[in-house]
Amino acid sequence: MAAEKPVQLGPFQSVLDSDRDGVIRKELVIYRKTGGHVIRESAVREYHTNGDYHDSIGSTPIIKGDL
């Protein structure tokens, strides 16, 4: 059996893991097609000055109908 190549996470992962210095908010948005609809999904992390943070997620229908 051939040796498996390690998974390369790429630049996207490095942006997510980047230095937090000066960052007040990170937001990830995904547009998902499902059942003839397009849904906008978001995950947000807001940083506070005391070093803590607040996470939230949400979804919003964008398009209904045949795609």
PDB file of N, CA and C in Angstrom:
ATOM      1  N   MET A   1       0.847  -1.180   0.000  1.00  0.00           N
ATOM      2  CA  MET A   1       0.000   0.000   0.000  1.00  0.00           C
ATOM      3  C   MET A   1       0.890   1.239   0.000  1.00  0.00           C
ATOM      4  N   ALA A   2       0.544   2.226  -0.815  1.00  0.00           N
ATOM      5  CA  ALA A   2       1.338   3.450  -0.929  1.00  0.00           C
ATOM      6  C   ALA A   2       1.144   4.326   0.302  1.00  0.00           C
ATOM      7  N   ALA A   3       2.181   5.065   0.636  1.00  0.00           N
ATOM      8  CA  ALA A   3       2.101   5.988   1.775  1.00  0.00           C
ATOM      9  C   ALA A   3       1.155   7.136   1.438  1.00  0.00           C
ATOM     10  N   GLU A   4       0.352   7.527   2.413  1.00  0.00           N
ATOM     11  CA  GLU A   4      -0.578   8.632   2.202  1.00  0.00           C
ATOM     12  C   GLU A   4       0.137   9.960   2.379  1.00  0.00           C
ATOM     13  N   LYS A   5      -0.236  10.941   1.547  1.00  0.00           N
ATOM     14  CA  LYS A   5       0.329  12.269   1.667  1.00  0.00           C
ATOM     15  C   LYS A   5      -0.359  12.985   2.826  1.00  0.00           C
ATOM     16  N   PRO A   6       0.386  13.766   3.606  1.00  0.00           N
ATOM     17  CA  PRO A   6      -0.258  14.540   4.674  1.00  0.00           C
ATOM     18  C   PRO A   6      -1.180  15.596   4.079  1.00  0.00           C
ATOM     19  N   VAL A   7      -2.238  15.908   4.772  1.00  0.00           N
ATOM     20  CA  VAL A   7      -3.191  16.920   4.315  1.00  0.00           C
ATOM     21  C   VAL A   7      -2.541  18.296   4.416  1.00  0.00           C
ATOM     22  N   GLN A   8      -2.591  19.042   3.331  1.00  0.00           N
ATOM     23  CA  GLN A   8      -2.072  20.408   3.315  1.00  0.00           C
ATOM     24  C   GLN A   8      -3.246  21.356   3.580  1.00  0.00           C
ATOM     25  N   LEU A   9      -3.145  22.149   4.623  1.00  0.00           N
ATOM     26  CA  LEU A   9      -4.260  23.009   5.011  1.00  0.00           C
ATOM     27  C   LEU A   9      -4.341  24.282   4.175  1.00  0.00           C
ATOM     28  N   GLY A  10      -3.255  24.735   3.632  1.00  0.00           N
ATOM     29  CA  GLY A  10      -3.264  25.851   2.711  1.00  0.00           C
ATOM     30  C   GLY A  10      -3.438  27.210   3.360  1.00  0.00           C
ATOM     31  N   PRO A  11      -3.526  28.256   2.527  1.00  0.00           N
ATOM     32  CA  PRO A  11      -3.586  29.622   3.030  1.00  0.00           C
ATOM     33  C   PRO A  11      -4.868  29.953   3.788  1.00  0.00           C
ATOM     34  N   PHE A  12      -5.958  29.283   3.473  1.00  0.00           N
ATOM     35  CA  PHE A  12      -7.215  29.547   4.177  1.00  0.00           C
ATOM     36  C   PHE A  12      -7.057  29.282   5.672  1.00  0.00           C
ATOM     37  N   GLN A  13      -6.457  28.147   6.013  1.00  0.00           N
ATOM     38  CA  GLN A  13      -6.250  27.803   7.416  1.00  0.00           C
ATOM     39  C   GLN A  13      -5.306  28.788   8.090  1.00  0.00           C
ATOM     40  N   SER A  14      -4.279  29.229   7.384  1.00  0.00           N
ATOM     41  CA  SER A  14      -3.339  30.171   7.993  1.00  0.00           C
ATOM     42  C   SER A  14      -4.002  31.511   8.293  1.00  0.00           C
ATOM     43  N   VAL A  15      -4.969  31.927   7.479  1.00  0.00           N
ATOM     44  CA  VAL A  15      -5.712  33.152   7.765  1.00  0.00           C
ATOM     45  C   VAL A  15      -6.562  32.970   9.032  1.00  0.00           C
ATOM     46  N   LEU A  16      -7.231  31.820   9.146  1.00  0.00           N
ATOM     47  CA  LEU A  16      -8.047  31.565  10.331  1.00  0.00           C
ATOM     48  C   LEU A  16      -7.207  31.525  11.605  1.00  0.00           C
ATOM     49  N   ASP A  17      -5.981  30.999  11.504  1.00  0.00           N
ATOM     50  CA  ASP A  17      -5.107  30.843  12.665  1.00  0.00           C
ATOM     51  C   ASP A  17      -4.162  32.026  12.874  1.00  0.00           C
ATOM     52  N   SER A  18      -4.292  33.063  12.076  1.00  0.00           N
ATOM     53  CA  SER A  18      -3.333  34.169  12.102  1.00  0.00           C
ATOM     54  C   SER A  18      -3.349  34.929  13.430  1.00  0.00           C
ATOM     55  N   ASP A  19      -2.335  35.745  13.596  1.00  0.00           N
ATOM     56  CA  ASP A  19      -2.162  36.568  14.784  1.00  0.00           C
ATOM     57  C   ASP A  19      -3.422  37.402  15.051  1.00  0.00           C
ATOM     58  N   ARG A  20      -3.847  37.470  16.304  1.00  0.00           N
ATOM     59  CA  ARG A  20      -5.058  38.212  16.686  1.00  0.00           C
ATOM     60  C   ARG A  20      -4.790  39.672  16.963  1.00  0.00           C
ATOM     61  N   ASP A  21      -3.550  40.110  16.917  1.00  0.00           N
ATOM     62  CA  ASP A  21      -3.203  41.481  17.272  1.00  0.00           C
ATOM     63  C   ASP A  21      -4.013  42.481  16.451  1.00  0.00           C
ATOM     64  N   GLY A  22      -4.818  43.292  17.118  1.00  0.00           N
ATOM     65  CA  GLY A  22      -5.628  44.310  16.462  1.00  0.00           C
ATOM     66  C   GLY A  22      -6.931  43.805  15.869  1.00  0.00           C
ATOM     67  N   VAL A  23      -7.176  42.507  15.912  1.00  0.00           N
ATOM     68  CA  VAL A  23      -8.401  41.945  15.320  1.00  0.00           C
ATOM     69  C   VAL A  23      -9.561  42.135  16.291  1.00  0.00           C
ATOM     70  N   ILE A  24     -10.668  42.677  15.799  1.00  0.00           N
ATOM     71  CA  ILE A  24     -11.858  42.848  16.634  1.00  0.00           C
ATOM     72  C   ILE A  24     -12.983  41.902  16.227  1.00  0.00           C
ATOM     73  N   ARG A  25     -12.895  41.349  15.003  1.00  0.00           N
ATOM     74  CA  ARG A  25     -13.964  40.460  14.531  1.00  0.00           C
ATOM     75  C   ARG A  25     -13.435  39.582  13.405  1.00  0.00           C
ATOM     76  N   LYS A  26     -13.816  38.295  13.421  1.00  0.00           N
ATOM     77  CA  LYS A  26     -13.581  37.375  12.308  1.00  0.00           C
ATOM     78  C   LYS A  26     -14.937  36.830  11.890  1.00  0.00           C
ATOM     79  N   GLU A  27     -15.137  36.733  10.583  1.00  0.00           N
ATOM     80  CA  GLU A  27     -16.409  36.232  10.077  1.00  0.00           C
ATOM     81  C   GLU A  27     -16.144  35.273   8.919  1.00  0.00           C
ATOM     82  N   LEU A  28     -16.795  34.126   8.976  1.00  0.00           N
ATOM     83  CA  LEU A  28     -16.718  33.136   7.907  1.00  0.00           C
ATOM     84  C   LEU A  28     -18.114  33.000   7.313  1.00  0.00           C
ATOM     85  N   VAL A  29     -18.220  33.154   5.995  1.00  0.00           N
ATOM     86  CA  VAL A  29     -19.516  33.071   5.315  1.00  0.00           C
ATOM     87  C   VAL A  29     -19.460  31.934   4.301  1.00  0.00           C
ATOM     88  N   ILE A  30     -20.489  31.102   4.322  1.00  0.00           N
ATOM     89  CA  ILE A  30     -20.619  29.981   3.389  1.00  0.00           C
ATOM     90  C   ILE A  30     -21.967  30.111   2.682  1.00  0.00           C
ATOM     91  N   TYR A  31     -21.969  29.969   1.364  1.00  0.00           N
ATOM     92  CA  TYR A  31     -23.210  29.935   0.596  1.00  0.00           C
ATOM     93  C   TYR A  31     -23.434  28.495   0.186  1.00  0.00           C
ATOM     94  N   ARG A  32     -24.545  27.915   0.655  1.00  0.00           N
ATOM     95  CA  ARG A  32     -24.816  26.497   0.445  1.00  0.00           C
ATOM     96  C   ARG A  32     -26.087  26.325  -0.392  1.00  0.00           C
ATOM     97  N   LYS A  33     -25.978  25.495  -1.454  1.00  0.00           N
ATOM     98  CA  LYS A  33     -27.148  25.159  -2.272  1.00  0.00           C
ATOM     99  C   LYS A  33     -27.718  23.863  -1.727  1.00  0.00           C
ATOM    100  N   THR A  34     -28.994  23.881  -1.363  1.00  0.00           N
ATOM    101  CA  THR A  34     -29.634  22.699  -0.810  1.00  0.00           C
ATOM    102  C   THR A  34     -31.123  22.715  -1.109  1.00  0.00           C
ATOM    103  N   GLY A  35     -31.611  21.638  -1.676  1.00  0.00           N
ATOM    104  CA  GLY A  35     -33.040  21.499  -1.939  1.00  0.00           C
ATOM    105  C   GLY A  35     -33.650  22.622  -2.757  1.00  0.00           C
ATOM    106  N   GLY A  36     -32.926  23.138  -3.748  1.00  0.00           N
ATOM    107  CA  GLY A  36     -33.462  24.211  -4.584  1.00  0.00           C
ATOM    108  C   GLY A  36     -33.389  25.585  -3.946  1.00  0.00           C
ATOM    109  N   HIS A  37     -32.655  25.713  -2.860  1.00  0.00           N
ATOM    110  CA  HIS A  37     -32.489  26.990  -2.166  1.00  0.00           C
ATOM    111  C   HIS A  37     -31.003  27.310  -2.044  1.00  0.00           C
ATOM    112  N   VAL A  38     -30.705  28.579  -1.886  1.00  0.00           N
ATOM    113  CA  VAL A  38     -29.355  28.994  -1.515  1.00  0.00           C
ATOM    114  C   VAL A  38     -29.446  29.599  -0.118  1.00  0.00           C
ATOM    115  N   ILE A  39     -28.627  29.095   0.776  1.00  0.00           N
ATOM    116  CA  ILE A  39     -28.623  29.537   2.167  1.00  0.00           C
ATOM    117  C   ILE A  39     -27.284  30.195   2.468  1.00  0.00           C
ATOM    118  N   ARG A  40     -27.312  31.353   3.109  1.00  0.00           N
ATOM    119  CA  ARG A  40     -26.089  32.024   3.577  1.00  0.00           C
ATOM    120  C   ARG A  40     -25.901  31.643   5.038  1.00  0.00           C
ATOM    121  N   GLU A  41     -24.793  30.949   5.333  1.00  0.00           N
ATOM    122  CA  GLU A  41     -24.467  30.557   6.701  1.00  0.00           C
ATOM    123  C   GLU A  41     -23.279  31.392   7.157  1.00  0.00           C
ATOM    124  N   SER A  42     -23.303  31.852   8.392  1.00  0.00           N
ATOM    125  CA  SER A  42     -22.183  32.647   8.890  1.00  0.00           C
ATOM    126  C   SER A  42     -21.807  32.227  10.298  1.00  0.00           C
ATOM    127  N   ALA A  43     -20.523  32.329  10.575  1.00  0.00           N
ATOM    128  CA  ALA A  43     -19.982  32.116  11.913  1.00  0.00           C
ATOM    129  C   ALA A  43     -19.132  33.341  12.228  1.00  0.00           C
ATOM    130  N   VAL A  44     -19.357  33.946  13.386  1.00  0.00           N
ATOM    131  CA  VAL A  44     -18.691  35.190  13.751  1.00  0.00           C
ATOM    132  C   VAL A  44     -18.033  35.031  15.116  1.00  0.00           C
ATOM    133  N   ARG A  45     -16.815  35.546  15.237  1.00  0.00           N
ATOM    134  CA  ARG A  45     -16.138  35.641  16.530  1.00  0.00           C
ATOM    135  C   ARG A  45     -15.773  37.105  16.737  1.00  0.00           C
ATOM    136  N   GLU A  46     -16.329  37.712  17.803  1.00  0.00           N
ATOM    137  CA  GLU A  46     -16.022  39.091  18.155  1.00  0.00           C
ATOM    138  C   GLU A  46     -15.132  39.094  19.389  1.00  0.00           C
ATOM    139  N   TYR A  47     -13.984  39.771  19.276  1.00  0.00           N
ATOM    140  CA  TYR A  47     -13.013  39.822  20.358  1.00  0.00           C
ATOM    141  C   TYR A  47     -13.260  41.038  21.240  1.00  0.00           C
ATOM    142  N   HIS A  48     -13.094  40.853  22.538  1.00  0.00           N
ATOM    143  CA  HIS A  48     -13.251  41.935  23.511  1.00  0.00           C
ATOM    144  C   HIS A  48     -11.878  42.387  23.998  1.00  0.00           C
ATOM    145  N   THR A  49     -11.800  43.605  24.532  1.00  0.00           N
ATOM    146  CA  THR A  49     -10.515  44.156  24.966  1.00  0.00           C
ATOM    147  C   THR A  49      -9.899  43.387  26.122  1.00  0.00           C
ATOM    148  N   ASN A  50     -10.704  42.632  26.879  1.00  0.00           N
ATOM    149  CA  ASN A  50     -10.171  41.862  28.012  1.00  0.00           C
ATOM    150  C   ASN A  50      -9.606  40.502  27.581  1.00  0.00           C
ATOM    151  N   GLY A  51      -9.572  40.231  26.264  1.00  0.00           N
ATOM    152  CA  GLY A  51      -9.034  38.977  25.757  1.00  0.00           C
ATOM    153  C   GLY A  51     -10.076  37.895  25.538  1.00  0.00           C
ATOM    154  N   ASP A  52     -11.287  38.123  26.006  1.00  0.00           N
ATOM    155  CA  ASP A  52     -12.374  37.167  25.819  1.00  0.00           C
ATOM    156  C   ASP A  52     -12.967  37.353  24.423  1.00  0.00           C
ATOM    157  N   TYR A  53     -13.860  36.470  24.029  1.00  0.00           N
ATOM    158  CA  TYR A  53     -14.523  36.590  22.740  1.00  0.00           C
ATOM    159  C   TYR A  53     -15.934  36.015  22.831  1.00  0.00           C
ATOM    160  N   HIS A  54     -16.752  36.356  21.841  1.00  0.00           N
ATOM    161  CA  HIS A  54     -18.136  35.868  21.756  1.00  0.00           C
ATOM    162  C   HIS A  54     -18.326  35.283  20.366  1.00  0.00           C
ATOM    163  N   ASP A  55     -18.799  34.029  20.282  1.00  0.00           N
ATOM    164  CA  ASP A  55     -19.070  33.360  19.013  1.00  0.00           C
ATOM    165  C   ASP A  55     -20.568  33.342  18.739  1.00  0.00           C
ATOM    166  N   SER A  56     -20.932  33.474  17.473  1.00  0.00           N
ATOM    167  CA  SER A  56     -22.332  33.327  17.077  1.00  0.00           C
ATOM    168  C   SER A  56     -22.390  32.713  15.683  1.00  0.00           C
ATOM    169  N   ILE A  57     -23.502  32.044  15.405  1.00  0.00           N
ATOM    170  CA  ILE A  57     -23.732  31.460  14.087  1.00  0.00           C
ATOM    171  C   ILE A  57     -25.132  31.832  13.632  1.00  0.00           C
ATOM    172  N   GLY A  58     -25.350  31.816  12.330  1.00  0.00           N
ATOM    173  CA  GLY A  58     -26.678  32.109  11.813  1.00  0.00           C
ATOM    174  C   GLY A  58     -26.796  31.666  10.370  1.00  0.00           C
ATOM    175  N   SER A  59     -28.034  31.611   9.895  1.00  0.00           N
ATOM    176  CA  SER A  59     -28.274  31.273   8.494  1.00  0.00           C
ATOM    177  C   SER A  59     -29.455  32.082   7.981  1.00  0.00           C
ATOM    178  N   THR A  60     -29.383  32.408   6.695  1.00  0.00           N
ATOM    179  CA  THR A  60     -30.408  33.236   6.049  1.00  0.00           C
ATOM    180  C   THR A  60     -30.668  32.660   4.659  1.00  0.00           C
ATOM    181  N   PRO A  61     -31.940  32.398   4.320  1.00  0.00           N
ATOM    182  CA  PRO A  61     -32.235  31.977   2.944  1.00  0.00           C
ATOM    183  C   PRO A  61     -32.005  33.131   1.983  1.00  0.00           C
ATOM    184  N   ILE A  62     -31.348  32.862   0.870  1.00  0.00           N
ATOM    185  CA  ILE A  62     -31.053  33.906  -0.115  1.00  0.00           C
ATOM    186  C   ILE A  62     -31.942  33.767  -1.337  1.00  0.00           C
ATOM    187  N   ILE A  63     -32.041  32.557  -1.885  1.00  0.00           N
ATOM    188  CA  ILE A  63     -32.803  32.327  -3.114  1.00  0.00           C
ATOM    189  C   ILE A  63     -33.684  31.101  -2.920  1.00  0.00           C
ATOM    190  N   LYS A  64     -34.953  31.201  -3.308  1.00  0.00           N
ATOM    191  CA  LYS A  64     -35.840  30.045  -3.336  1.00  0.00           C
ATOM    192  C   LYS A  64     -36.176  29.747  -4.781  1.00  0.00           C
ATOM    193  N   GLY A  65     -36.371  28.461  -5.079  1.00  0.00           N
ATOM    194  CA  GLY A  65     -36.780  28.079  -6.423  1.00  0.00           C
ATOM    195  C   GLY A  65     -35.797  27.131  -7.059  1.00  0.00           C
ATOM    196  N   ASP A  66     -36.034  26.818  -8.333  1.00  0.00           N
ATOM    197  CA  ASP A  66     -35.169  25.892  -9.057  1.00  0.00           C
ATOM    198  C   ASP A  66     -33.846  26.542  -9.395  1.00  0.00           C
ATOM    199  N   LEU A  67     -32.770  25.803  -9.151  1.00  0.00           N
ATOM    200  CA  LEU A  67     -31.427  26.294  -9.492  1.00  0.00           C
ATOM    201  C   LEU A  67     -30.808  25.388 -10.518  1.00  0.00           C
TER     202      LEU A  67
END
